């Protein structure tokens, strides 16, 4: 959802800073990220492809398909998730104000691999399991472009909501001597993220193309299911594990570079976004290619 909303903030500096139609026509975007959270290494990767139509000079509406993979790993266990979903989006531009919104849902599949080790840390056997689920999400963002000659400032505010639901599952493979397979209960989360910040950039006209570097600084506050409880059962023993879903708040940083052709309507963007909160940090990289015909 952030991928769709952030793309609506594209600025063209050929005739002075102004919003452009970065989600009009065919486009594709790849992304990847890595970091740590609550003692685990985390990663994600994937892509989004879409097509947008101009309803009138102010409105663009479109549809997009997204596929992504995530991973969280410790010494003992690795959990990976694949997601596939469809989204609708709309972008309304009124002069220096732009409002963008997106709505979507999709399918989730999760795999778990848990190593069982001997006292001297030798891998004895591996317990595996899988489950399915679904997600629903919606996002809304407002941006205001302030031209300052060939430079610009862009304050922004964004709200994202996402619901996820996973079914319970039981492991297999850890029963050679004793039944050490774990049965996990189902979980669901509801998280809302409130983000705000300021982006600043400048445009450089290089003859056949425009080059726009930018930096941003902001923050995000999270509400809802920030910690999730999951029931775990081994034989007749049961316990509840508490996992971190999102921190209370985080510092957001970003920088990027956009290249836009003049004679041929192409655009290429590369962005870095970082989020830092206590023992949680995430480094995200994005690449966008856009061609209009």
Protein backbone atom coordinates (compact mmCIF):
# COMPACT_ATOMS: atom_id res chain seq x y z
CA UNK A 1 0.00 0.00 0.00
CA UNK A 2 2.83 2.39 0.78
CA UNK A 3 4.31 1.55 -2.62
CA UNK A 4 1.13 2.72 -4.32
CA UNK A 5 0.71 5.82 -2.18
CA UNK A 6 4.33 6.98 -2.31
CA UNK A 7 4.36 6.77 -6.10
CA UNK A 8 1.72 9.46 -6.21
CA UNK A 9 4.26 11.96 -4.87
CA UNK A 10 6.34 12.13 -8.03
CA UNK A 11 7.50 15.63 -8.97
CA UNK A 12 8.66 16.86 -12.39
CA UNK A 13 11.02 19.84 -12.50
CA UNK A 14 11.27 20.56 -16.23
CA UNK A 15 8.97 23.59 -15.97
CA UNK A 16 9.42 24.10 -12.24
CA UNK A 17 8.41 21.63 -9.52
CA UNK A 18 4.94 20.18 -10.10
CA UNK A 19 3.11 16.93 -9.54
CA UNK A 20 3.23 14.38 -12.36
CA UNK A 21 1.07 11.39 -13.25
CA UNK A 22 3.40 8.64 -12.04
CA UNK A 23 0.56 6.11 -11.86
CA UNK A 24 -0.90 6.85 -15.32
CA UNK A 25 -0.35 4.19 -17.97
CA UNK A 26 1.61 0.98 -17.44
CA UNK A 27 4.13 0.79 -14.62
CA UNK A 28 6.04 -1.77 -12.60
CA UNK A 29 7.91 -1.45 -9.32
CA UNK A 30 10.27 -3.76 -7.47
CA UNK A 31 11.18 -3.48 -3.79
CA UNK A 32 13.29 -5.19 -1.15
CA UNK A 33 14.19 -4.58 2.48
CA UNK A 34 16.24 -6.03 5.31
CA UNK A 35 16.72 -5.32 9.02
CA UNK A 36 16.16 -6.71 12.52
CA UNK A 37 13.15 -6.81 14.81
CA UNK A 38 12.85 -8.16 18.35
CA UNK A 39 16.07 -10.16 18.02
CA UNK A 40 15.24 -11.70 14.63
CA UNK A 41 16.63 -10.93 11.19
CA UNK A 42 13.88 -9.81 8.80
CA UNK A 43 13.65 -9.34 5.05
CA UNK A 44 11.08 -8.70 2.38
CA UNK A 45 11.04 -8.49 -1.39
CA UNK A 46 8.54 -8.36 -4.22
CA UNK A 47 6.97 -6.26 -6.90
CA UNK A 48 3.87 -4.36 -7.97
CA UNK A 49 2.55 -3.89 -11.51
CA UNK A 50 -0.40 -1.72 -12.49
CA UNK A 51 -2.21 0.40 -15.02
CA UNK A 52 -3.89 3.77 -14.51
CA UNK A 53 -6.43 5.72 -16.54
CA UNK A 54 -7.16 9.47 -16.50
CA UNK A 55 -10.84 9.96 -15.68
CA UNK A 56 -10.47 13.74 -16.11
CA UNK A 57 -7.54 16.23 -15.87
CA UNK A 58 -7.51 15.83 -12.05
CA UNK A 59 -8.36 12.17 -11.42
CA UNK A 60 -6.40 8.99 -12.13
CA UNK A 61 -7.85 5.59 -11.22
CA UNK A 62 -6.17 2.27 -11.67
CA UNK A 63 -5.60 -1.31 -10.61
CA UNK A 64 -2.47 -3.13 -9.50
CA UNK A 65 -1.32 -6.65 -8.65
CA UNK A 66 1.27 -7.23 -5.92
CA UNK A 67 3.37 -10.23 -4.99
CA UNK A 68 5.76 -10.27 -2.03
CA UNK A 69 7.80 -12.54 0.18
CA UNK A 70 8.92 -11.98 3.78
CA UNK A 71 11.22 -13.81 6.13
CA UNK A 72 11.98 -13.74 9.85
CA UNK A 73 14.76 -15.93 11.23
CA UNK A 74 16.59 -16.72 14.48
CA UNK A 75 19.18 -19.42 15.23
CA UNK A 76 16.40 -21.94 15.88
CA UNK A 77 13.66 -21.09 13.42
CA UNK A 78 12.83 -19.41 10.12
CA UNK A 79 9.33 -18.35 9.06
CA UNK A 80 8.64 -17.22 5.48
CA UNK A 81 5.44 -15.81 4.05
CA UNK A 82 4.30 -15.25 0.47
CA UNK A 83 1.47 -12.88 -0.38
CA UNK A 84 -0.48 -12.20 -3.57
CA UNK A 85 -3.11 -9.50 -3.82
CA UNK A 86 -5.03 -7.05 -5.97
CA UNK A 87 -5.47 -3.34 -5.36
CA UNK A 88 -7.47 -0.43 -6.68
CA UNK A 89 -6.12 3.11 -6.38
CA UNK A 90 -7.19 6.68 -7.06
CA UNK A 91 -5.19 9.92 -7.25
CA UNK A 92 -6.76 13.39 -7.16
CA UNK A 93 -4.57 16.41 -7.95
CA UNK A 94 -5.85 19.92 -7.28
CA UNK A 95 -2.97 22.31 -8.02
CA UNK A 96 -0.42 21.92 -5.24
CA UNK A 97 -2.54 19.43 -3.26
CA UNK A 98 -2.63 15.73 -4.07
CA UNK A 99 -4.79 13.09 -2.35
CA UNK A 100 -4.18 9.41 -3.06
CA UNK A 101 -6.02 6.33 -1.81
CA UNK A 102 -5.75 2.57 -2.22
CA UNK A 103 -7.81 -0.47 -1.24
CA UNK A 104 -6.93 -4.14 -1.63
CA UNK A 105 -6.95 -7.70 -0.36
CA UNK A 106 -5.01 -10.87 -0.95
CA UNK A 107 -3.88 -14.38 -0.05
CA UNK A 108 -1.16 -15.35 2.44
CA UNK A 109 0.86 -18.57 2.69
CA UNK A 110 3.33 -19.25 5.51
CA UNK A 111 6.08 -21.87 5.96
CA UNK A 112 7.90 -22.61 9.22
CA UNK A 113 11.16 -24.53 9.71
CA UNK A 114 12.27 -25.11 13.32
CA UNK A 115 15.54 -26.81 14.15
CA UNK A 116 15.82 -29.13 17.16
CA UNK A 117 19.39 -29.24 18.44
CA UNK A 118 21.43 -31.50 20.70
CA UNK A 119 23.03 -30.02 23.87
CA UNK A 120 26.20 -29.30 21.88
CA UNK A 121 24.18 -27.31 19.25
CA UNK A 122 24.20 -30.02 16.58
CA UNK A 123 21.05 -30.13 14.44
CA UNK A 124 19.10 -33.26 15.39
CA UNK A 125 15.91 -32.93 13.35
CA UNK A 126 13.74 -30.29 11.74
CA UNK A 127 10.07 -29.61 12.39
CA UNK A 128 8.17 -28.11 9.46
CA UNK A 129 4.69 -26.69 9.04
CA UNK A 130 2.59 -24.53 6.78
CA UNK A 131 -0.62 -22.55 6.92
CA UNK A 132 -2.69 -20.11 4.87
CA UNK A 133 -4.46 -16.84 5.48
CA UNK A 134 -5.60 -13.59 3.95
CA UNK A 135 -5.20 -9.84 4.36
CA UNK A 136 -7.16 -6.66 3.73
CA UNK A 137 -5.77 -3.15 3.65
CA UNK A 138 -6.60 0.47 2.93
CA UNK A 139 -4.48 3.60 2.74
CA UNK A 140 -4.97 7.37 2.40
CA UNK A 141 -2.28 10.00 1.82
CA UNK A 142 -2.24 13.78 1.43
CA UNK A 143 0.70 15.80 0.04
CA UNK A 144 1.20 19.51 -0.50
CA UNK A 145 3.86 20.70 -2.95
CA UNK A 146 5.59 24.02 -2.17
CA UNK A 147 7.76 25.24 -5.10
CA UNK A 148 10.79 27.34 -4.15
CA UNK A 149 12.29 28.27 -7.49
CA UNK A 150 13.85 25.05 -8.77
CA UNK A 151 13.66 23.56 -5.28
CA UNK A 152 10.60 22.23 -3.47
CA UNK A 153 9.24 21.20 -0.09
CA UNK A 154 6.51 18.59 0.30
CA UNK A 155 4.86 17.97 3.68
CA UNK A 156 2.83 14.76 3.76
CA UNK A 157 0.52 12.77 5.98
CA UNK A 158 -0.55 9.14 5.55
CA UNK A 159 -2.82 6.60 7.23
CA UNK A 160 -2.52 2.86 6.50
CA UNK A 161 -4.72 0.12 7.94
CA UNK A 162 -4.13 -3.61 7.48
CA UNK A 163 -5.85 -6.74 8.79
CA UNK A 164 -4.18 -10.15 8.60
CA UNK A 165 -5.57 -13.57 9.45
CA UNK A 166 -3.66 -16.88 9.70
CA UNK A 167 -5.11 -20.32 10.40
CA UNK A 168 -3.58 -22.59 13.02
CA UNK A 169 -1.32 -25.50 12.00
CA UNK A 170 0.68 -28.43 13.34
CA UNK A 171 4.32 -29.24 12.66
CA UNK A 172 5.65 -32.51 11.29
CA UNK A 173 9.08 -34.12 11.42
CA UNK A 174 9.94 -33.83 15.13
CA UNK A 175 8.66 -37.18 16.34
CA UNK A 176 11.48 -39.65 15.82
CA UNK A 177 11.96 -40.36 19.53
CA UNK A 178 9.38 -38.18 21.28
CA UNK A 179 6.60 -36.09 19.85
CA UNK A 180 8.17 -32.63 19.82
CA UNK A 181 5.92 -31.23 17.09
CA UNK A 182 4.21 -27.98 18.07
CA UNK A 183 0.61 -27.12 17.26
CA UNK A 184 0.17 -23.38 16.75
CA UNK A 185 -3.13 -21.57 17.22
CA UNK A 186 -4.50 -19.16 14.65
CA UNK A 187 -3.65 -15.46 14.87
CA UNK A 188 -5.03 -12.22 13.51
CA UNK A 189 -3.82 -8.63 13.62
CA UNK A 190 -5.29 -5.18 13.06
CA UNK A 191 -2.70 -2.41 12.73
CA UNK A 192 -3.10 1.26 11.82
CA UNK A 193 -0.05 3.38 10.98
CA UNK A 194 -0.13 7.19 11.17
CA UNK A 195 2.79 8.76 9.28
CA UNK A 196 3.88 12.32 8.62
CA UNK A 197 6.96 14.17 7.52
CA UNK A 198 8.64 16.51 5.07
CA UNK A 199 10.34 15.84 1.75
CA UNK A 200 12.76 18.34 0.19
CA UNK A 201 14.35 18.21 -3.24
CA UNK A 202 15.65 20.10 -6.25
CA UNK A 203 15.40 19.65 -10.01
CA UNK A 204 18.31 19.72 -12.45
CA UNK A 205 17.56 20.11 -16.16
CA UNK A 206 20.16 18.10 -18.09
CA UNK A 207 18.97 18.83 -21.62
CA UNK A 208 17.27 15.61 -22.64
CA UNK A 209 16.21 14.65 -19.14
CA UNK A 210 15.36 15.98 -15.69
CA UNK A 211 17.25 14.81 -12.60
CA UNK A 212 15.54 15.26 -9.22
CA UNK A 213 17.30 14.23 -5.99
CA UNK A 214 15.35 14.44 -2.71
CA UNK A 215 15.57 13.63 1.01
CA UNK A 216 12.83 13.16 3.62
CA UNK A 217 12.42 12.98 7.38
CA UNK A 218 9.36 11.98 9.35
CA UNK A 219 7.84 9.57 11.82
CA UNK A 220 5.22 6.84 12.18
CA UNK A 221 2.99 5.98 15.13
CA UNK A 222 1.33 2.55 15.27
CA UNK A 223 -1.96 1.58 16.91
CA UNK A 224 -3.88 -1.67 17.23
CA UNK A 225 -2.36 -5.13 17.56
CA UNK A 226 1.22 -4.15 18.39
CA UNK A 227 1.82 -7.51 20.11
CA UNK A 228 0.15 -10.78 19.17
CA UNK A 229 -0.45 -13.81 21.42
CA UNK A 230 -0.23 -17.27 19.88
CA UNK A 231 -1.13 -20.51 21.65
CA UNK A 232 1.43 -23.33 21.34
CA UNK A 233 0.81 -26.95 22.36
CA UNK A 234 3.20 -29.91 22.63
CA UNK A 235 1.46 -33.08 23.74
CA UNK A 236 -0.43 -32.12 26.92
CA UNK A 237 1.63 -28.98 27.55
CA UNK A 238 0.37 -25.58 26.41
CA UNK A 239 1.77 -22.09 26.56
CA UNK A 240 1.24 -18.70 24.95
CA UNK A 241 3.99 -16.85 23.11
CA UNK A 242 3.91 -13.08 22.65
CA UNK A 243 5.39 -11.67 19.43
CA UNK A 244 6.10 -8.11 18.31
CA UNK A 245 3.95 -6.91 15.39
CA UNK A 246 4.95 -3.23 15.30
CA UNK A 247 6.64 -0.72 17.62
CA UNK A 248 4.75 2.15 19.24
CA UNK A 249 6.53 4.64 17.01
CA UNK A 250 9.47 4.96 14.62
CA UNK A 251 11.71 7.51 12.93
CA UNK A 252 11.38 7.52 9.14
CA UNK A 253 14.20 8.61 6.81
CA UNK A 254 14.47 8.56 3.07
CA UNK A 255 16.36 9.70 0.00
CA UNK A 256 15.85 9.15 -3.68
CA UNK A 257 16.72 10.02 -7.24
CA UNK A 258 14.38 10.41 -10.21
CA UNK A 259 15.29 10.52 -13.91
CA UNK A 260 12.65 11.63 -16.40
CA UNK A 261 12.99 11.81 -20.17
CA UNK A 262 11.79 14.84 -22.15
CA UNK A 263 11.44 13.64 -25.74
CA UNK A 264 10.43 10.09 -24.72
CA UNK A 265 7.91 9.77 -21.81
CA UNK A 266 9.87 7.45 -19.50
CA UNK A 267 10.63 7.70 -15.78
CA UNK A 268 13.02 5.80 -13.54
CA UNK A 269 13.13 6.24 -9.75
CA UNK A 270 15.36 4.76 -7.07
CA UNK A 271 14.42 5.26 -3.41
CA UNK A 272 15.81 4.31 -0.02
CA UNK A 273 13.60 4.40 3.07
CA UNK A 274 14.73 3.60 6.60
CA UNK A 275 12.67 3.07 9.74
CA UNK A 276 14.26 3.00 13.20
CA UNK A 277 12.59 2.19 16.53
CA UNK A 278 14.43 0.78 19.55
CA UNK A 279 15.43 -2.80 18.74
CA UNK A 280 13.62 -2.66 15.40
CA UNK A 281 15.05 -1.23 12.19
CA UNK A 282 14.26 -1.72 8.50
CA UNK A 283 16.13 -0.64 5.37
CA UNK A 284 13.98 -0.60 2.24
CA UNK A 285 15.03 -0.10 -1.40
CA UNK A 286 12.66 0.56 -4.27
CA UNK A 287 13.03 0.76 -8.04
CA UNK A 288 10.26 2.13 -10.26
CA UNK A 289 10.07 2.13 -14.06
CA UNK A 290 7.28 3.95 -15.87
CA UNK A 291 6.53 4.36 -19.57
CA UNK A 292 3.53 6.20 -20.99
CA UNK A 293 2.11 5.79 -24.48
